[in-house]
């Protein structure tokens, strides 16, 4: 690994803490850490590998915090976590042969749609609702599909899980957030395993950022437990919009090419 100035290390640590805080509530931590790693001089593939390592600490910390307060049953959700992990492994392995341009074309539109769904849908609170899919079918189909997406591309995984838990599994906002962090942790494990085997992980920086993200996620999850949907809903909407804007701001985004922007 190349030498990194102490100021840059401090900025990466700060970015990881903030990302952990936001990600533990609404997802989207990669919106902060991936650009930070790229600006620090890491190659795109090493950025993705290192981001998966440090992201494990944040999602793991949030999962522990939510589970300790009884918002997610780890043993009961273990099969779903394993399927999310498997889906992410397959996604990471197949990432090089899938049409990433198609994902970058569709993703901003989907994220804006998710933001509008949560912003405009009435009675979005912490109360559970009617299930549209049984837990078995949800775990067998939706979970590995989103895990696969996380391995292939990544941005927006937390938002997709939140939408699925609320719209299909009938979960309230806080319960959906808690389960999202568990499955995101599992999918991070799968993606990280592939990147580690390939050898594109900067371990020192990843572990340093991981500690900062662990602390940030701890603070964020504790605050989400206290505030519930009043905090989760607006932050989720803002995160989806911010991620969509970031993707659209990329000069190479296919949507910009289509409309000649």
Protein backbone atom coordinates (compact mmCIF):
# COMPACT_ATOMS: atom_id res chain seq x y z
CA UNK A 1 0.00 0.00 0.00
CA UNK A 2 1.21 3.51 -0.85
CA UNK A 3 2.03 5.99 1.92
CA UNK A 4 -0.90 8.11 3.07
CA UNK A 5 -0.56 11.42 4.90
CA UNK A 6 -1.82 11.57 8.47
CA UNK A 7 -4.33 14.28 7.46
CA UNK A 8 -5.80 11.96 4.85
CA UNK A 9 -6.05 9.14 7.38
CA UNK A 10 -7.90 11.47 9.76
CA UNK A 11 -10.32 12.45 7.00
CA UNK A 12 -10.93 8.80 6.12
CA UNK A 13 -11.66 8.05 9.78
CA UNK A 14 -14.08 10.98 9.98
CA UNK A 15 -15.79 9.89 6.77
CA UNK A 16 -16.16 6.35 8.14
CA UNK A 17 -17.68 7.61 11.41
CA UNK A 18 -20.23 9.78 9.61
CA UNK A 19 -20.98 6.97 7.14
CA UNK A 20 -21.52 4.52 10.00
CA UNK A 21 -23.92 6.95 11.69
CA UNK A 22 -26.00 7.54 8.55
CA UNK A 23 -25.86 3.94 7.32
CA UNK A 24 -27.11 2.53 10.63
CA UNK A 25 -30.29 4.60 10.26
CA UNK A 26 -31.02 4.92 6.56
CA UNK A 27 -28.30 3.11 4.61
CA UNK A 28 -26.12 4.82 2.02
CA UNK A 29 -22.84 4.87 3.93
CA UNK A 30 -20.95 4.06 0.75
CA UNK A 31 -22.08 7.44 -0.59
CA UNK A 32 -19.48 8.91 1.78
CA UNK A 33 -16.74 6.28 2.08
CA UNK A 34 -16.31 5.31 -1.59
CA UNK A 35 -15.61 8.89 -2.78
CA UNK A 36 -13.33 9.40 0.25
CA UNK A 37 -11.25 6.33 -0.64
CA UNK A 38 -11.05 7.34 -4.30
CA UNK A 39 -9.91 10.84 -3.33
CA UNK A 40 -7.26 9.27 -1.08
CA UNK A 41 -5.75 7.65 -4.18
CA UNK A 42 -7.05 4.10 -4.10
CA UNK A 43 -7.90 2.36 -7.36
CA UNK A 44 -11.61 1.70 -8.02
CA UNK A 45 -11.33 -2.05 -7.36
CA UNK A 46 -9.29 -1.55 -4.17
CA UNK A 47 -11.81 1.08 -3.10
CA UNK A 48 -14.65 -1.43 -3.42
CA UNK A 49 -12.72 -4.14 -1.54
CA UNK A 50 -11.60 -1.84 1.28
CA UNK A 51 -15.09 -0.34 1.52
CA UNK A 52 -16.57 -3.80 2.05
CA UNK A 53 -14.10 -4.46 4.88
CA UNK A 54 -14.83 -1.26 6.78
CA UNK A 55 -18.55 -1.58 6.03
CA UNK A 56 -18.61 -4.88 7.91
CA UNK A 57 -17.86 -3.04 11.13
CA UNK A 58 -20.65 -0.52 10.65
CA UNK A 59 -23.38 -2.98 9.72
CA UNK A 60 -22.14 -5.39 12.38
CA UNK A 61 -22.22 -2.69 15.06
CA UNK A 62 -25.72 -1.57 14.09
CA UNK A 63 -26.95 -5.18 14.02
CA UNK A 64 -25.58 -5.84 17.52
CA UNK A 65 -27.20 -2.66 18.85
CA UNK A 66 -30.61 -3.43 17.35
CA UNK A 67 -30.47 -7.08 18.44
CA UNK A 68 -29.52 -6.11 22.01
CA UNK A 69 -32.71 -4.03 22.21
CA UNK A 70 -34.83 -6.88 20.85
CA UNK A 71 -35.59 -5.40 17.43
CA UNK A 72 -34.22 -8.37 15.49
CA UNK A 73 -33.96 -12.07 16.38
CA UNK A 74 -30.55 -13.17 15.08
CA UNK A 75 -31.24 -16.92 15.33
CA UNK A 76 -34.59 -16.64 13.56
CA UNK A 77 -33.09 -14.55 10.77
CA UNK A 78 -30.01 -16.73 10.25
CA UNK A 79 -31.36 -18.53 7.13
CA UNK A 80 -32.15 -15.18 5.48
CA UNK A 81 -28.70 -13.88 6.41
CA UNK A 82 -27.06 -16.90 4.82
CA UNK A 83 -29.07 -16.42 1.62
CA UNK A 84 -28.09 -12.73 1.51
CA UNK A 85 -24.45 -13.71 1.92
CA UNK A 86 -24.68 -16.35 -0.82
CA UNK A 87 -26.42 -13.92 -3.16
CA UNK A 88 -23.66 -11.35 -2.60
CA UNK A 89 -20.93 -13.92 -3.32
CA UNK A 90 -22.55 -14.85 -6.62
CA UNK A 91 -23.05 -11.18 -7.48
CA UNK A 92 -19.43 -10.29 -6.79
CA UNK A 93 -18.19 -13.25 -8.84
CA UNK A 94 -20.37 -12.29 -11.80
CA UNK A 95 -19.85 -8.52 -11.53
CA UNK A 96 -17.43 -8.40 -14.44
CA UNK A 97 -19.83 -9.98 -16.93
CA UNK A 98 -23.04 -8.15 -16.04
CA UNK A 99 -24.16 -4.93 -17.79
CA UNK A 100 -23.18 -2.37 -15.16
CA UNK A 101 -24.25 0.45 -17.50
CA UNK A 102 -27.81 -0.85 -17.29
CA UNK A 103 -27.66 -0.73 -13.49
CA UNK A 104 -26.31 2.83 -13.51
CA UNK A 105 -29.05 3.77 -15.96
CA UNK A 106 -31.92 2.42 -13.87
CA UNK A 107 -30.65 2.99 -10.32
CA UNK A 108 -31.12 6.80 -10.02
CA UNK A 109 -34.72 6.46 -11.22
CA UNK A 110 -35.42 3.63 -8.77
CA UNK A 111 -33.86 5.55 -5.85
CA UNK A 112 -35.99 8.62 -6.56
CA UNK A 113 -39.07 6.38 -6.71
CA UNK A 114 -38.16 4.88 -3.30
CA UNK A 115 -37.69 8.38 -1.85
CA UNK A 116 -41.12 9.44 -3.15
CA UNK A 117 -42.69 6.25 -1.76
CA UNK A 118 -41.47 6.89 1.76
CA UNK A 119 -42.04 10.67 1.55
CA UNK A 120 -45.62 10.54 0.25
CA UNK A 121 -47.04 7.32 1.68
CA UNK A 122 -49.20 8.17 4.74
CA UNK A 123 -48.96 6.49 8.14
CA UNK A 124 -45.31 5.49 7.77
CA UNK A 125 -44.51 4.69 11.39
CA UNK A 126 -43.14 1.88 13.56
CA UNK A 127 -46.33 -0.21 13.51
CA UNK A 128 -46.28 -3.50 11.56
CA UNK A 129 -48.73 -3.90 8.67
CA UNK A 130 -50.24 -6.62 6.50
CA UNK A 131 -47.70 -9.00 4.93
CA UNK A 132 -47.77 -9.28 1.16
CA UNK A 133 -45.24 -12.13 1.16
CA UNK A 134 -44.82 -14.89 3.72
CA UNK A 135 -41.51 -14.81 5.66
CA UNK A 136 -40.45 -18.01 3.86
CA UNK A 137 -41.12 -16.66 0.36
CA UNK A 138 -39.62 -13.28 1.22
CA UNK A 139 -36.43 -14.91 2.50
CA UNK A 140 -36.21 -17.27 -0.47
CA UNK A 141 -36.66 -14.65 -3.21
CA UNK A 142 -36.22 -11.00 -2.20
CA UNK A 143 -33.31 -11.47 0.21
CA UNK A 144 -30.88 -13.33 -2.10
CA UNK A 145 -31.87 -11.07 -5.02
CA UNK A 146 -30.89 -7.92 -3.11
CA UNK A 147 -27.79 -9.68 -1.77
CA UNK A 148 -26.85 -10.46 -5.37
CA UNK A 149 -27.28 -6.80 -6.30
CA UNK A 150 -25.06 -5.78 -3.38
CA UNK A 151 -22.29 -8.03 -4.69
CA UNK A 152 -22.66 -6.78 -8.26
CA UNK A 153 -23.00 -3.04 -7.67
CA UNK A 154 -23.83 -2.05 -4.07
CA UNK A 155 -25.19 1.52 -3.85
CA UNK A 156 -28.79 1.59 -2.64
CA UNK A 157 -28.80 -1.90 -1.09
CA UNK A 158 -30.06 -0.60 2.26
CA UNK A 159 -32.82 1.40 0.55
CA UNK A 160 -33.98 -1.65 -1.42
CA UNK A 161 -34.06 -3.77 1.73
CA UNK A 162 -35.98 -1.08 3.63
CA UNK A 163 -38.56 -0.77 0.86
CA UNK A 164 -38.96 -4.56 0.67
CA UNK A 165 -39.40 -4.99 4.42
CA UNK A 166 -41.97 -2.19 4.64
CA UNK A 167 -43.92 -2.81 1.42
CA UNK A 168 -43.75 -6.62 1.23
CA UNK A 169 -42.99 -7.99 4.70
CA UNK A 170 -45.24 -5.45 6.43
CA UNK A 171 -42.61 -4.25 8.91
CA UNK A 172 -42.73 -0.92 10.72
CA UNK A 173 -39.86 1.51 10.06
CA UNK A 174 -37.70 0.67 13.08
CA UNK A 175 -38.12 -3.09 12.68
CA UNK A 176 -37.35 -2.80 8.96
CA UNK A 177 -34.20 -0.81 9.73
CA UNK A 178 -32.98 -3.40 12.24
CA UNK A 179 -33.50 -6.30 9.82
CA UNK A 180 -31.97 -4.33 6.96
CA UNK A 181 -28.73 -3.92 8.91
CA UNK A 182 -28.52 -7.66 9.64
CA UNK A 183 -28.99 -8.66 6.00
CA UNK A 184 -26.68 -5.89 4.78
CA UNK A 185 -24.04 -7.20 7.20
CA UNK A 186 -24.47 -10.69 5.76
CA UNK A 187 -24.24 -9.47 2.15
CA UNK A 188 -21.15 -7.44 3.05
CA UNK A 189 -19.50 -10.63 4.29
CA UNK A 190 -20.14 -12.34 0.97
CA UNK A 191 -18.84 -9.48 -1.14
CA UNK A 192 -15.84 -8.92 1.12
CA UNK A 193 -14.87 -12.60 0.95
CA UNK A 194 -14.59 -12.42 -2.83
CA UNK A 195 -12.57 -9.18 -2.78
CA UNK A 196 -10.27 -10.58 -0.08
CA UNK A 197 -9.56 -13.73 -2.10
CA UNK A 198 -8.79 -11.60 -5.16
CA UNK A 199 -6.42 -9.54 -3.00
CA UNK A 200 -7.83 -6.03 -3.52
CA UNK A 201 -8.33 -5.05 0.14
CA UNK A 202 -6.19 -2.45 1.92
CA UNK A 203 -6.26 -4.05 5.35
CA UNK A 204 -4.69 -1.30 7.46
CA UNK A 205 -6.91 1.46 6.13
CA UNK A 206 -9.97 -0.80 6.08
CA UNK A 207 -9.53 -1.83 9.71
CA UNK A 208 -8.85 1.76 10.82
CA UNK A 209 -11.99 2.99 9.05
CA UNK A 210 -13.86 -0.03 10.40
CA UNK A 211 -13.24 1.05 14.00
CA UNK A 212 -14.51 4.56 13.22
CA UNK A 213 -17.54 3.19 11.40
CA UNK A 214 -18.29 0.80 14.29
CA UNK A 215 -18.48 3.78 16.66
CA UNK A 216 -20.55 5.89 14.27
CA UNK A 217 -23.02 3.05 13.70
CA UNK A 218 -23.35 2.52 17.44
CA UNK A 219 -24.34 6.15 17.95
CA UNK A 220 -26.69 6.16 14.94
CA UNK A 221 -28.49 2.92 15.83
CA UNK A 222 -29.00 4.06 19.43
CA UNK A 223 -30.51 7.32 18.20
CA UNK A 224 -32.77 5.48 15.72
CA UNK A 225 -34.06 3.23 18.50
CA UNK A 226 -34.99 6.31 20.56
CA UNK A 227 -36.56 8.30 17.71
CA UNK A 228 -37.96 5.56 15.45
CA UNK A 229 -39.74 6.55 12.23
CA UNK A 230 -39.51 10.28 13.05
CA UNK A 231 -35.76 10.10 12.34
CA UNK A 232 -35.55 7.11 9.97
CA UNK A 233 -38.11 8.27 7.40
CA UNK A 234 -36.67 11.73 6.55
CA UNK A 235 -33.09 10.51 6.62
CA UNK A 236 -33.95 7.62 4.31
CA UNK A 237 -35.63 10.00 1.83
CA UNK A 238 -32.66 12.39 1.89
CA UNK A 239 -30.17 9.53 1.50
CA UNK A 240 -31.98 8.10 -1.55
CA UNK A 241 -32.12 11.53 -3.21
CA UNK A 242 -28.46 12.26 -2.41
CA UNK A 243 -27.36 8.92 -3.86
CA UNK A 244 -29.45 9.49 -6.99
CA UNK A 245 -27.92 12.96 -7.46
CA UNK A 246 -24.41 11.57 -6.99
CA UNK A 247 -24.99 8.89 -9.62
CA UNK A 248 -26.49 11.40 -12.05
CA UNK A 249 -23.57 13.79 -11.48
CA UNK A 250 -21.15 11.16 -12.82
CA UNK A 251 -20.24 12.32 -16.37
CA UNK A 252 -20.17 8.68 -17.51
CA UNK A 253 -23.72 7.92 -16.37
CA UNK A 254 -25.71 6.51 -19.34
CA UNK A 255 -28.71 8.73 -18.55
CA UNK A 256 -26.62 11.84 -19.21
CA UNK A 257 -25.43 10.40 -22.50
CA UNK A 258 -29.00 9.56 -23.54
CA UNK A 259 -30.21 13.11 -22.97
CA UNK A 260 -27.01 14.79 -24.18
CA UNK A 261 -26.22 16.40 -20.83
